[in-house]
C-alpha cells in the first residue's frame, strides 16, 4: 500500500479546493471581499433570505465565525439582518442591492478563474468531470 496521499481522491479534492480558494481570494482582494464572504453572498443570492442559523449550517460555519463576518458585511451595506417576528432570538439575513452587486462582481472573478484554469481540458472532459463531482457531492452526507 502506498504511504503518500496523492492516490486518494479526497486528498486531491482538498488540495484542489485549497489552491482554488487561495487563487480566487487574491483575485477578489481589489473588490474588498474575502472568499468566506463570497460564500455568504452567493448562498443568500440563491436563497434570497435565510436565518443566521440556517446560513451557518449550510456553509458549515460556527456562530463564532459567522456572526462577526455578518456584522462586518452589514456595516459594508452588503446584507440586512432583521429579527424574525416568530422567534425574536433568530436573525433573518438577506442581501441588499450593494451585496447583490458585489456578489456579481466576485462571481465574474470566479468564473474567469475557472475558465482560465480549465482551458487545459477539452470541453467534454470538463463536463464529465463536473458530472462526476456533482454525483459524488450529492452522495456525500457531510458527516
N, C-alpha and C. Protein backbone atom coordinates (compact mmCIF):
# COMPACT_ATOMS: atom_id res chain seq x y z
N UNK A 1 0.84 -1.19 0.00
CA UNK A 1 0.00 0.00 0.00
C UNK A 1 0.89 1.25 0.00
N UNK A 2 0.46 2.22 -0.78
CA UNK A 2 1.22 3.48 -0.86
C UNK A 2 1.11 4.25 0.46
N UNK A 3 2.17 4.96 0.81
CA UNK A 3 2.19 5.71 2.05
C UNK A 3 1.83 7.18 1.86
N UNK A 4 1.90 7.67 0.64
CA UNK A 4 1.56 9.06 0.38
C UNK A 4 0.06 9.26 0.31
N UNK A 5 -0.32 10.47 -0.06
CA UNK A 5 -1.74 10.80 -0.13
C UNK A 5 -2.22 11.08 -1.55
N UNK A 6 -1.32 11.25 -2.48
CA UNK A 6 -1.73 11.71 -3.80
C UNK A 6 -2.58 10.70 -4.56
N UNK A 7 -2.67 9.47 -4.11
CA UNK A 7 -3.52 8.48 -4.75
C UNK A 7 -4.94 8.48 -4.17
N UNK A 8 -5.18 9.31 -3.17
CA UNK A 8 -6.50 9.40 -2.54
C UNK A 8 -7.33 10.53 -3.15
N UNK A 9 -8.55 10.23 -3.55
CA UNK A 9 -9.40 11.23 -4.18
C UNK A 9 -9.69 12.39 -3.23
N UNK A 10 -10.04 12.08 -1.99
CA UNK A 10 -10.37 13.14 -1.03
C UNK A 10 -9.22 14.11 -0.83
N UNK A 11 -8.02 13.58 -0.70
CA UNK A 11 -6.84 14.43 -0.53
C UNK A 11 -6.67 15.35 -1.74
N UNK A 12 -6.81 14.80 -2.94
CA UNK A 12 -6.68 15.62 -4.14
C UNK A 12 -7.76 16.68 -4.23
N UNK A 13 -8.98 16.33 -3.87
CA UNK A 13 -10.06 17.32 -3.89
C UNK A 13 -9.80 18.45 -2.90
N UNK A 14 -9.30 18.10 -1.71
CA UNK A 14 -8.99 19.13 -0.71
C UNK A 14 -7.87 20.03 -1.21
N UNK A 15 -6.84 19.45 -1.79
CA UNK A 15 -5.72 20.24 -2.30
C UNK A 15 -6.16 21.17 -3.44
N UNK A 16 -6.99 20.65 -4.33
CA UNK A 16 -7.51 21.46 -5.44
C UNK A 16 -8.36 22.60 -4.89
N UNK A 17 -9.25 22.29 -3.96
CA UNK A 17 -10.12 23.32 -3.37
C UNK A 17 -9.29 24.40 -2.68
N UNK A 18 -8.26 24.00 -1.96
CA UNK A 18 -7.41 24.96 -1.26
C UNK A 18 -6.71 25.88 -2.26
N UNK A 19 -6.17 25.30 -3.33
CA UNK A 19 -5.47 26.10 -4.34
C UNK A 19 -6.43 27.07 -5.04
N UNK A 20 -7.62 26.60 -5.33
CA UNK A 20 -8.62 27.47 -5.96
C UNK A 20 -8.99 28.61 -5.02
N UNK A 21 -9.22 28.28 -3.75
CA UNK A 21 -9.60 29.30 -2.78
C UNK A 21 -8.53 30.37 -2.64
N UNK A 22 -7.27 29.97 -2.57
CA UNK A 22 -6.17 30.93 -2.44
C UNK A 22 -6.10 31.82 -3.68
N UNK A 23 -6.15 31.21 -4.86
CA UNK A 23 -6.03 31.98 -6.10
C UNK A 23 -7.21 32.94 -6.29
N UNK A 24 -8.41 32.45 -6.04
CA UNK A 24 -9.59 33.29 -6.21
C UNK A 24 -9.61 34.41 -5.16
N UNK A 25 -9.19 34.09 -3.94
CA UNK A 25 -9.14 35.11 -2.88
C UNK A 25 -8.24 36.27 -3.29
N UNK A 26 -7.07 35.96 -3.86
CA UNK A 26 -6.16 37.01 -4.30
C UNK A 26 -6.79 37.86 -5.39
N UNK A 27 -7.52 37.23 -6.29
CA UNK A 27 -8.15 37.98 -7.38
C UNK A 27 -9.35 38.81 -6.91
N UNK A 28 -9.95 38.43 -5.78
CA UNK A 28 -11.08 39.19 -5.26
C UNK A 28 -10.67 40.32 -4.32
N UNK A 29 -9.41 40.34 -3.91
CA UNK A 29 -8.94 41.38 -2.99
C UNK A 29 -9.29 42.80 -3.44
N UNK A 30 -9.12 43.15 -4.73
CA UNK A 30 -9.47 44.52 -5.14
C UNK A 30 -10.95 44.85 -4.93
N UNK A 31 -11.81 43.84 -4.87
CA UNK A 31 -13.23 44.08 -4.64
C UNK A 31 -13.53 44.28 -3.15
N UNK A 32 -12.57 43.94 -2.29
CA UNK A 32 -12.77 44.08 -0.86
C UNK A 32 -13.62 42.97 -0.25
N UNK A 33 -13.63 41.81 -0.90
CA UNK A 33 -14.43 40.69 -0.41
C UNK A 33 -13.53 39.48 -0.24
N UNK A 34 -13.75 38.74 0.84
CA UNK A 34 -12.99 37.52 1.08
C UNK A 34 -13.75 36.33 0.47
N UNK A 35 -13.05 35.22 0.37
CA UNK A 35 -13.69 34.02 -0.16
C UNK A 35 -14.85 33.59 0.75
N UNK A 36 -14.65 33.67 2.07
CA UNK A 36 -15.72 33.30 3.01
C UNK A 36 -16.94 34.21 2.84
N UNK A 37 -16.71 35.51 2.66
CA UNK A 37 -17.81 36.44 2.44
C UNK A 37 -18.50 36.15 1.11
N UNK A 38 -17.71 35.76 0.11
CA UNK A 38 -18.29 35.40 -1.18
C UNK A 38 -19.24 34.21 -1.03
N UNK A 39 -18.85 33.23 -0.22
CA UNK A 39 -19.73 32.09 0.02
C UNK A 39 -21.04 32.54 0.63
N UNK A 40 -20.98 33.50 1.55
CA UNK A 40 -22.19 34.01 2.20
C UNK A 40 -23.09 34.73 1.19
N UNK A 41 -22.54 35.67 0.44
CA UNK A 41 -23.38 36.42 -0.50
C UNK A 41 -23.92 35.52 -1.61
N UNK A 42 -23.15 34.52 -1.99
CA UNK A 42 -23.62 33.59 -3.03
C UNK A 42 -24.79 32.75 -2.52
N UNK A 43 -24.69 32.28 -1.29
CA UNK A 43 -25.79 31.48 -0.72
C UNK A 43 -27.03 32.34 -0.55
N UNK A 44 -26.86 33.56 -0.09
CA UNK A 44 -28.01 34.46 0.08
C UNK A 44 -28.61 34.83 -1.27
N UNK A 45 -27.78 34.93 -2.29
CA UNK A 45 -28.29 35.22 -3.63
C UNK A 45 -29.17 34.07 -4.11
N UNK A 46 -28.77 32.84 -3.78
CA UNK A 46 -29.55 31.66 -4.17
C UNK A 46 -30.84 31.53 -3.37
N UNK A 47 -30.76 31.79 -2.07
CA UNK A 47 -31.88 31.54 -1.16
C UNK A 47 -32.76 32.76 -0.92
N UNK A 48 -32.28 33.93 -1.22
CA UNK A 48 -32.94 35.21 -1.01
C UNK A 48 -32.95 35.65 0.45
N UNK A 49 -33.43 34.79 1.35
CA UNK A 49 -33.43 35.13 2.77
C UNK A 49 -33.26 33.85 3.57
N UNK A 50 -32.43 33.92 4.61
CA UNK A 50 -32.19 32.76 5.46
C UNK A 50 -32.02 33.23 6.89
N UNK A 51 -32.28 32.34 7.82
CA UNK A 51 -31.94 32.65 9.20
C UNK A 51 -30.42 32.52 9.33
N UNK A 52 -29.89 33.20 10.31
CA UNK A 52 -28.46 33.14 10.55
C UNK A 52 -28.03 31.71 10.85
N UNK A 53 -28.84 30.98 11.60
CA UNK A 53 -28.52 29.59 11.93
C UNK A 53 -28.51 28.72 10.68
N UNK A 54 -29.51 28.86 9.82
CA UNK A 54 -29.57 28.06 8.60
C UNK A 54 -28.39 28.37 7.69
N UNK A 55 -28.02 29.63 7.62
CA UNK A 55 -26.87 30.03 6.81
C UNK A 55 -25.59 29.39 7.35
N UNK A 56 -25.41 29.44 8.65
CA UNK A 56 -24.24 28.80 9.26
C UNK A 56 -24.22 27.30 9.03
N UNK A 57 -25.39 26.68 9.12
CA UNK A 57 -25.48 25.23 8.91
C UNK A 57 -25.10 24.85 7.48
N UNK A 58 -25.65 25.55 6.50
CA UNK A 58 -25.39 25.19 5.11
C UNK A 58 -23.95 25.49 4.70
N UNK A 59 -23.35 26.51 5.30
CA UNK A 59 -21.95 26.84 4.99
C UNK A 59 -20.96 26.18 5.94
N UNK A 60 -21.47 25.41 6.88
CA UNK A 60 -20.67 24.76 7.93
C UNK A 60 -19.76 25.76 8.64
N UNK A 61 -20.36 26.85 9.08
CA UNK A 61 -19.66 27.87 9.84
C UNK A 61 -20.28 27.98 11.22
N UNK A 62 -19.45 28.07 12.25
CA UNK A 62 -19.97 28.24 13.61
C UNK A 62 -20.47 29.66 13.79
N UNK A 63 -21.30 29.85 14.80
CA UNK A 63 -21.80 31.19 15.12
C UNK A 63 -20.64 32.12 15.45
N UNK A 64 -19.60 31.58 16.10
CA UNK A 64 -18.44 32.39 16.46
C UNK A 64 -17.70 32.91 15.23
N UNK A 65 -17.74 32.18 14.15
CA UNK A 65 -17.11 32.62 12.90
C UNK A 65 -18.06 33.49 12.08
N UNK A 66 -19.32 33.06 11.99
CA UNK A 66 -20.28 33.72 11.12
C UNK A 66 -20.73 35.08 11.64
N UNK A 67 -20.99 35.20 12.93
CA UNK A 67 -21.55 36.44 13.49
C UNK A 67 -20.67 37.66 13.21
N UNK A 68 -19.36 37.63 13.52
CA UNK A 68 -18.56 38.82 13.21
C UNK A 68 -18.46 39.11 11.71
N UNK A 69 -18.47 38.04 10.90
CA UNK A 69 -18.43 38.24 9.46
C UNK A 69 -19.70 38.95 9.00
N UNK A 70 -20.84 38.53 9.50
CA UNK A 70 -22.10 39.17 9.13
C UNK A 70 -22.18 40.60 9.64
N UNK A 71 -21.64 40.85 10.82
CA UNK A 71 -21.63 42.22 11.34
C UNK A 71 -20.82 43.14 10.43
N UNK A 72 -19.68 42.67 9.97
CA UNK A 72 -18.85 43.45 9.04
C UNK A 72 -19.58 43.65 7.71
N UNK A 73 -20.18 42.60 7.21
CA UNK A 73 -20.90 42.70 5.94
C UNK A 73 -22.09 43.64 6.06
N UNK A 74 -22.71 43.67 7.21
CA UNK A 74 -23.82 44.60 7.45
C UNK A 74 -23.31 46.04 7.45
N UNK A 75 -22.16 46.28 8.11
CA UNK A 75 -21.57 47.63 8.11
C UNK A 75 -21.19 48.07 6.70
N UNK A 76 -20.78 47.14 5.86
CA UNK A 76 -20.43 47.46 4.47
C UNK A 76 -21.67 47.69 3.61
N UNK A 77 -22.84 47.35 4.16
CA UNK A 77 -24.08 47.54 3.42
C UNK A 77 -24.42 46.40 2.48
N UNK A 78 -23.77 45.26 2.63
CA UNK A 78 -24.00 44.12 1.74
C UNK A 78 -25.20 43.28 2.13
N UNK A 79 -25.52 43.27 3.42
CA UNK A 79 -26.63 42.47 3.92
C UNK A 79 -27.46 43.28 4.88
N UNK A 80 -28.68 42.80 5.12
CA UNK A 80 -29.55 43.33 6.16
C UNK A 80 -29.86 42.18 7.10
N UNK A 81 -29.78 42.46 8.40
CA UNK A 81 -30.15 41.46 9.40
C UNK A 81 -31.35 42.01 10.15
N UNK A 82 -32.40 41.22 10.19
CA UNK A 82 -33.60 41.62 10.91
C UNK A 82 -34.00 40.52 11.88
N UNK A 83 -34.73 40.91 12.90
CA UNK A 83 -35.22 39.93 13.87
C UNK A 83 -36.42 39.21 13.28
N UNK A 84 -36.43 37.91 13.42
CA UNK A 84 -37.55 37.08 12.97
C UNK A 84 -38.74 37.36 13.88
N UNK A 85 -39.88 37.71 13.27
CA UNK A 85 -41.06 38.04 14.05
C UNK A 85 -41.56 36.85 14.86
N UNK A 86 -41.38 35.64 14.33
CA UNK A 86 -41.86 34.43 15.01
C UNK A 86 -40.92 33.97 16.12
N UNK A 87 -39.64 34.35 16.02
CA UNK A 87 -38.66 33.95 17.04
C UNK A 87 -37.67 35.10 17.20
N UNK A 88 -37.88 35.90 18.22
CA UNK A 88 -37.08 37.12 18.38
C UNK A 88 -35.60 36.83 18.66
N UNK A 89 -35.25 35.58 18.97
CA UNK A 89 -33.84 35.22 19.16
C UNK A 89 -33.15 34.96 17.83
N UNK A 90 -33.94 34.79 16.78
CA UNK A 90 -33.42 34.42 15.46
C UNK A 90 -33.29 35.66 14.57
N UNK A 91 -32.21 35.68 13.79
CA UNK A 91 -31.99 36.77 12.83
C UNK A 91 -32.19 36.25 11.41
N UNK A 92 -32.89 37.04 10.61
CA UNK A 92 -33.03 36.73 9.19
C UNK A 92 -32.02 37.59 8.42
N UNK A 93 -31.39 36.99 7.44
CA UNK A 93 -30.35 37.66 6.66
C UNK A 93 -30.79 37.72 5.21
N UNK A 94 -30.58 38.87 4.59
CA UNK A 94 -30.85 38.99 3.15
C UNK A 94 -29.85 39.95 2.53
N UNK A 95 -29.61 39.76 1.24
CA UNK A 95 -28.70 40.64 0.50
C UNK A 95 -29.36 41.98 0.23
N UNK A 96 -28.55 43.02 0.21
CA UNK A 96 -29.00 44.33 -0.25
C UNK A 96 -28.64 44.45 -1.73
N UNK A 97 -29.00 45.54 -2.34
CA UNK A 97 -28.61 45.79 -3.73
C UNK A 97 -27.09 45.85 -3.85
N UNK A 98 -26.43 46.45 -2.86
CA UNK A 98 -24.96 46.53 -2.87
C UNK A 98 -24.37 45.13 -2.76
N UNK A 99 -24.96 44.29 -1.89
CA UNK A 99 -24.49 42.92 -1.73
C UNK A 99 -24.68 42.11 -3.00
N UNK A 100 -25.79 42.33 -3.69
CA UNK A 100 -26.04 41.64 -4.95
C UNK A 100 -25.00 42.04 -5.99
N UNK A 101 -24.64 43.30 -6.02
CA UNK A 101 -23.64 43.78 -6.98
C UNK A 101 -22.25 43.24 -6.65
N UNK A 102 -21.88 43.21 -5.38
CA UNK A 102 -20.56 42.68 -5.02
C UNK A 102 -20.51 41.19 -5.33
N UNK A 103 -21.61 40.49 -5.14
CA UNK A 103 -21.68 39.07 -5.48
C UNK A 103 -21.49 38.89 -6.99
N UNK A 104 -22.12 39.74 -7.79
CA UNK A 104 -21.99 39.66 -9.25
C UNK A 104 -20.54 39.86 -9.67
N UNK A 105 -19.90 40.89 -9.11
CA UNK A 105 -18.51 41.16 -9.46
C UNK A 105 -17.59 40.01 -9.03
N UNK A 106 -17.81 39.48 -7.84
CA UNK A 106 -16.98 38.38 -7.35
C UNK A 106 -17.22 37.12 -8.18
N UNK A 107 -18.46 36.90 -8.59
CA UNK A 107 -18.77 35.73 -9.43
C UNK A 107 -18.04 35.82 -10.76
N UNK A 108 -17.93 37.01 -11.31
CA UNK A 108 -17.18 37.19 -12.55
C UNK A 108 -15.71 36.79 -12.36
N UNK A 109 -15.15 37.11 -11.20
CA UNK A 109 -13.78 36.72 -10.89
C UNK A 109 -13.66 35.20 -10.83
N UNK A 110 -14.59 34.57 -10.14
CA UNK A 110 -14.59 33.11 -10.01
C UNK A 110 -14.74 32.46 -11.38
N UNK A 111 -15.67 32.94 -12.17
CA UNK A 111 -15.92 32.38 -13.49
C UNK A 111 -14.70 32.55 -14.40
N UNK A 112 -14.08 33.71 -14.39
CA UNK A 112 -12.89 33.95 -15.21
C UNK A 112 -11.75 33.03 -14.79
N UNK A 113 -11.57 32.85 -13.48
CA UNK A 113 -10.53 31.95 -12.99
C UNK A 113 -10.78 30.52 -13.48
N UNK A 114 -12.00 30.08 -13.32
CA UNK A 114 -12.33 28.71 -13.72
C UNK A 114 -12.15 28.51 -15.22
N UNK A 115 -12.61 29.44 -16.01
CA UNK A 115 -12.44 29.32 -17.46
C UNK A 115 -10.97 29.29 -17.85
N UNK A 116 -10.18 30.12 -17.19
CA UNK A 116 -8.75 30.18 -17.47
C UNK A 116 -8.07 28.86 -17.11
N UNK A 117 -8.37 28.33 -15.94
CA UNK A 117 -7.70 27.12 -15.48
C UNK A 117 -8.19 25.86 -16.19
N UNK A 118 -9.45 25.83 -16.58
CA UNK A 118 -9.99 24.63 -17.22
C UNK A 118 -9.73 24.58 -18.72
N UNK A 119 -9.12 25.60 -19.26
CA UNK A 119 -8.87 25.60 -20.71
C UNK A 119 -7.89 24.50 -21.12
N UNK A 120 -7.17 23.92 -20.15
CA UNK A 120 -6.24 22.85 -20.46
C UNK A 120 -6.97 21.54 -20.77
N UNK A 121 -8.27 21.47 -20.46
CA UNK A 121 -9.05 20.26 -20.71
C UNK A 121 -10.03 20.47 -21.85
N UNK A 122 -10.26 19.45 -22.65
CA UNK A 122 -11.32 19.54 -23.66
C UNK A 122 -12.68 19.73 -22.98
N UNK A 123 -13.57 20.44 -23.62
CA UNK A 123 -14.88 20.77 -23.04
C UNK A 123 -15.64 19.53 -22.59
N UNK A 124 -15.59 18.46 -23.37
CA UNK A 124 -16.32 17.25 -22.98
C UNK A 124 -15.77 16.64 -21.68
N UNK A 125 -14.47 16.78 -21.45
CA UNK A 125 -13.88 16.29 -20.20
C UNK A 125 -14.26 17.19 -19.02
N UNK A 126 -14.35 18.47 -19.26
CA UNK A 126 -14.80 19.40 -18.22
C UNK A 126 -16.22 19.03 -17.80
N UNK A 127 -17.08 18.79 -18.78
CA UNK A 127 -18.47 18.45 -18.47
C UNK A 127 -18.58 17.10 -17.75
N UNK A 128 -17.76 16.14 -18.15
CA UNK A 128 -17.74 14.83 -17.49
C UNK A 128 -17.24 14.96 -16.05
N UNK A 129 -16.18 15.74 -15.85
CA UNK A 129 -15.65 15.94 -14.50
C UNK A 129 -16.70 16.62 -13.62
N UNK A 130 -17.37 17.62 -14.16
CA UNK A 130 -18.43 18.31 -13.41
C UNK A 130 -19.56 17.34 -13.05
N UNK A 131 -19.93 16.48 -13.98
CA UNK A 131 -20.97 15.48 -13.73
C UNK A 131 -20.55 14.57 -12.58
N UNK A 132 -19.32 14.08 -12.61
CA UNK A 132 -18.83 13.19 -11.55
C UNK A 132 -18.76 13.90 -10.20
N UNK A 133 -18.28 15.14 -10.21
CA UNK A 133 -18.20 15.89 -8.96
C UNK A 133 -19.59 16.12 -8.36
N UNK A 134 -20.57 16.43 -9.20
CA UNK A 134 -21.94 16.63 -8.70
C UNK A 134 -22.50 15.33 -8.12
N UNK A 135 -22.27 14.21 -8.82
CA UNK A 135 -22.74 12.92 -8.32
C UNK A 135 -22.10 12.59 -6.98
N UNK A 136 -20.80 12.78 -6.89
CA UNK A 136 -20.07 12.49 -5.66
C UNK A 136 -20.53 13.41 -4.54
N UNK A 137 -20.71 14.67 -4.84
CA UNK A 137 -21.15 15.65 -3.85
C UNK A 137 -22.55 15.28 -3.34
N UNK A 138 -23.45 14.89 -4.25
CA UNK A 138 -24.80 14.52 -3.86
C UNK A 138 -24.80 13.25 -2.99
N UNK A 139 -23.84 12.37 -3.23
CA UNK A 139 -23.75 11.12 -2.49
C UNK A 139 -23.27 11.34 -1.05
N UNK A 140 -22.41 12.32 -0.85
CA UNK A 140 -21.83 12.55 0.48
C UNK A 140 -22.87 13.13 1.42
N UNK A 141 -22.84 12.70 2.67
CA UNK A 141 -23.83 13.17 3.65
C UNK A 141 -23.33 14.36 4.45
N UNK A 142 -22.03 14.63 4.42
CA UNK A 142 -21.48 15.74 5.19
C UNK A 142 -21.02 15.33 6.57
N UNK A 143 -21.18 14.06 6.91
CA UNK A 143 -20.75 13.56 8.23
C UNK A 143 -19.26 13.33 8.27
